[in-house]
Amino acid sequence: MFAEFGSITEANVVYDRETGRSRGFGFVAFSEEASASDAIKAMDQAEIGGRTINVKYAKQREARPRRD
């Protein structure tokens, strides 16, 4: 669905470790910033398979203290 906006360098769906089921989100990386921007504008709030999707830039996770 996202390939129409430009060259994709990476795509992955995030799965639950215990159940192996999709957690309902994933990541798509484009080779050009403009392609990512176009995809966000066109696909945010689009309906796919009866579900509305949210498309936005990923934010880097904040570092969490390690549990020993």
N, C-alpha and C. Protein backbone atom coordinates (compact mmCIF):
# COMPACT_ATOMS: atom_id res chain seq x y z
N MET A 1 0.81 -1.20 0.00
CA MET A 1 0.00 0.00 0.00
C MET A 1 0.85 1.27 0.00
N PHE A 2 2.03 1.21 0.56
CA PHE A 2 2.87 2.40 0.67
C PHE A 2 3.85 2.55 -0.49
N ALA A 3 4.04 1.49 -1.27
CA ALA A 3 5.02 1.52 -2.35
C ALA A 3 4.69 2.57 -3.42
N GLU A 4 3.42 2.93 -3.55
CA GLU A 4 3.06 3.92 -4.56
C GLU A 4 3.62 5.31 -4.26
N PHE A 5 4.11 5.52 -3.04
CA PHE A 5 4.62 6.84 -2.66
C PHE A 5 6.12 6.98 -2.86
N GLY A 6 6.82 5.87 -3.09
CA GLY A 6 8.25 5.94 -3.31
C GLY A 6 8.94 4.65 -2.95
N SER A 7 10.25 4.68 -3.04
CA SER A 7 11.06 3.50 -2.78
C SER A 7 11.13 3.22 -1.28
N ILE A 8 10.74 2.00 -0.90
CA ILE A 8 10.75 1.59 0.50
C ILE A 8 12.05 0.86 0.78
N THR A 9 12.74 1.26 1.85
CA THR A 9 13.99 0.61 2.21
C THR A 9 13.79 -0.47 3.27
N GLU A 10 12.72 -0.34 4.05
CA GLU A 10 12.46 -1.32 5.10
C GLU A 10 11.00 -1.22 5.53
N ALA A 11 10.42 -2.36 5.87
CA ALA A 11 9.05 -2.38 6.40
C ALA A 11 8.94 -3.56 7.35
N ASN A 12 8.32 -3.34 8.50
CA ASN A 12 8.09 -4.46 9.40
C ASN A 12 6.84 -4.25 10.24
N VAL A 13 6.22 -5.34 10.59
CA VAL A 13 5.05 -5.37 11.45
C VAL A 13 5.52 -5.85 12.80
N VAL A 14 5.05 -5.22 13.87
CA VAL A 14 5.47 -5.59 15.22
C VAL A 14 4.53 -6.67 15.75
N TYR A 15 5.13 -7.76 16.24
CA TYR A 15 4.38 -8.90 16.76
C TYR A 15 4.58 -9.06 18.26
N ASP A 16 3.57 -9.57 18.93
CA ASP A 16 3.63 -9.87 20.35
C ASP A 16 4.54 -11.08 20.55
N ARG A 17 5.46 -11.00 21.48
CA ARG A 17 6.41 -12.10 21.71
C ARG A 17 5.74 -13.37 22.20
N GLU A 18 4.72 -13.22 23.03
CA GLU A 18 4.09 -14.39 23.64
C GLU A 18 3.08 -15.07 22.72
N THR A 19 2.26 -14.28 22.03
CA THR A 19 1.19 -14.86 21.22
C THR A 19 1.55 -14.99 19.74
N GLY A 20 2.52 -14.21 19.29
CA GLY A 20 2.89 -14.22 17.88
C GLY A 20 1.92 -13.43 17.00
N ARG A 21 0.93 -12.80 17.62
CA ARG A 21 -0.05 -12.00 16.87
C ARG A 21 0.46 -10.57 16.69
N SER A 22 -0.01 -9.94 15.62
CA SER A 22 0.36 -8.55 15.36
C SER A 22 -0.12 -7.67 16.50
N ARG A 23 0.71 -6.69 16.87
CA ARG A 23 0.32 -5.74 17.91
C ARG A 23 -0.46 -4.57 17.32
N GLY A 24 -0.69 -4.59 16.01
CA GLY A 24 -1.51 -3.57 15.38
C GLY A 24 -0.77 -2.36 14.86
N PHE A 25 0.56 -2.46 14.81
CA PHE A 25 1.32 -1.36 14.22
C PHE A 25 2.59 -1.88 13.59
N GLY A 26 3.20 -1.03 12.79
CA GLY A 26 4.44 -1.40 12.12
C GLY A 26 5.16 -0.15 11.66
N PHE A 27 6.23 -0.35 10.92
CA PHE A 27 7.07 0.75 10.47
C PHE A 27 7.38 0.59 8.99
N VAL A 28 7.41 1.71 8.28
CA VAL A 28 7.79 1.74 6.87
C VAL A 28 8.85 2.83 6.72
N ALA A 29 9.99 2.48 6.15
CA ALA A 29 11.07 3.45 5.93
C ALA A 29 11.22 3.68 4.42
N PHE A 30 11.25 4.94 4.04
CA PHE A 30 11.40 5.31 2.64
C PHE A 30 12.82 5.80 2.38
N SER A 31 13.25 5.70 1.14
CA SER A 31 14.60 6.16 0.79
C SER A 31 14.66 7.69 0.72
N GLU A 32 13.51 8.34 0.54
CA GLU A 32 13.48 9.81 0.46
C GLU A 32 12.46 10.38 1.42
N GLU A 33 12.82 11.47 2.07
CA GLU A 33 11.94 12.16 3.02
C GLU A 33 10.62 12.59 2.38
N ALA A 34 10.68 13.05 1.15
CA ALA A 34 9.47 13.52 0.46
C ALA A 34 8.46 12.37 0.29
N SER A 35 8.95 11.18 0.06
CA SER A 35 8.06 10.02 -0.09
C SER A 35 7.34 9.73 1.22
N ALA A 36 8.07 9.80 2.31
CA ALA A 36 7.47 9.57 3.63
C ALA A 36 6.40 10.63 3.91
N SER A 37 6.71 11.86 3.62
CA SER A 37 5.77 12.95 3.84
C SER A 37 4.50 12.77 3.00
N ASP A 38 4.66 12.38 1.75
CA ASP A 38 3.51 12.14 0.87
C ASP A 38 2.65 10.99 1.40
N ALA A 39 3.30 9.93 1.87
CA ALA A 39 2.57 8.78 2.40
C ALA A 39 1.77 9.16 3.64
N ILE A 40 2.36 9.96 4.51
CA ILE A 40 1.66 10.39 5.72
C ILE A 40 0.44 11.22 5.34
N LYS A 41 0.61 12.17 4.44
CA LYS A 41 -0.51 13.02 4.03
C LYS A 41 -1.65 12.22 3.40
N ALA A 42 -1.31 11.24 2.59
CA ALA A 42 -2.32 10.48 1.86
C ALA A 42 -2.94 9.35 2.69
N MET A 43 -2.17 8.72 3.56
CA MET A 43 -2.64 7.51 4.22
C MET A 43 -3.14 7.71 5.65
N ASP A 44 -2.79 8.82 6.30
CA ASP A 44 -3.27 9.03 7.67
C ASP A 44 -4.79 9.12 7.67
N GLN A 45 -5.41 8.33 8.52
CA GLN A 45 -6.87 8.24 8.67
C GLN A 45 -7.55 7.51 7.50
N ALA A 46 -6.76 6.82 6.67
CA ALA A 46 -7.34 6.02 5.58
C ALA A 46 -7.96 4.76 6.17
N GLU A 47 -8.91 4.19 5.46
CA GLU A 47 -9.53 2.94 5.90
C GLU A 47 -8.95 1.78 5.10
N ILE A 48 -8.46 0.79 5.81
CA ILE A 48 -7.89 -0.40 5.19
C ILE A 48 -8.49 -1.61 5.89
N GLY A 49 -9.13 -2.45 5.11
CA GLY A 49 -9.73 -3.66 5.68
C GLY A 49 -10.75 -3.37 6.76
N GLY A 50 -11.48 -2.27 6.61
CA GLY A 50 -12.50 -1.91 7.59
C GLY A 50 -11.98 -1.21 8.83
N ARG A 51 -10.69 -0.91 8.85
CA ARG A 51 -10.10 -0.22 10.02
C ARG A 51 -9.45 1.08 9.58
N THR A 52 -9.58 2.10 10.39
CA THR A 52 -8.94 3.38 10.13
C THR A 52 -7.52 3.31 10.67
N ILE A 53 -6.55 3.71 9.84
CA ILE A 53 -5.15 3.65 10.27
C ILE A 53 -4.63 5.05 10.58
N ASN A 54 -3.67 5.10 11.48
CA ASN A 54 -2.95 6.33 11.79
C ASN A 54 -1.56 6.19 11.21
N VAL A 55 -1.11 7.19 10.48
CA VAL A 55 0.22 7.17 9.88
C VAL A 55 0.92 8.45 10.30
N LYS A 56 2.10 8.29 10.92
CA LYS A 56 2.86 9.45 11.37
C LYS A 56 4.33 9.08 11.46
N TYR A 57 5.16 10.09 11.66
CA TYR A 57 6.59 9.84 11.83
C TYR A 57 6.79 9.12 13.16
N ALA A 58 7.72 8.17 13.17
CA ALA A 58 8.05 7.45 14.40
C ALA A 58 8.87 8.35 15.30
N LYS A 59 8.65 8.20 16.59
CA LYS A 59 9.43 8.93 17.58
C LYS A 59 10.39 7.95 18.23
N GLN A 60 11.59 8.43 18.52
CA GLN A 60 12.56 7.57 19.18
C GLN A 60 12.11 7.33 20.62
N ARG A 61 12.22 6.10 21.05
CA ARG A 61 11.84 5.74 22.42
C ARG A 61 12.76 6.39 23.42
N GLU A 62 12.19 6.78 24.56
CA GLU A 62 13.02 7.30 25.64
C GLU A 62 13.73 6.14 26.32
N ALA A 63 14.96 6.37 26.73
CA ALA A 63 15.72 5.33 27.41
C ALA A 63 15.07 5.03 28.75
N ARG A 64 14.88 3.74 29.02
CA ARG A 64 14.32 3.32 30.30
C ARG A 64 15.42 2.65 31.12
N PRO A 65 15.36 2.82 32.44
CA PRO A 65 16.36 2.14 33.26
C PRO A 65 16.23 0.62 33.11
N ARG A 66 17.35 -0.06 33.12
CA ARG A 66 17.35 -1.52 32.97
C ARG A 66 16.90 -2.18 34.27
N ARG A 67 16.15 -3.26 34.10
CA ARG A 67 15.76 -4.06 35.27
C ARG A 67 16.76 -5.20 35.42
N ASP A 68 17.24 -5.38 36.61
CA ASP A 68 18.20 -6.48 36.87
C ASP A 68 17.51 -7.66 37.48
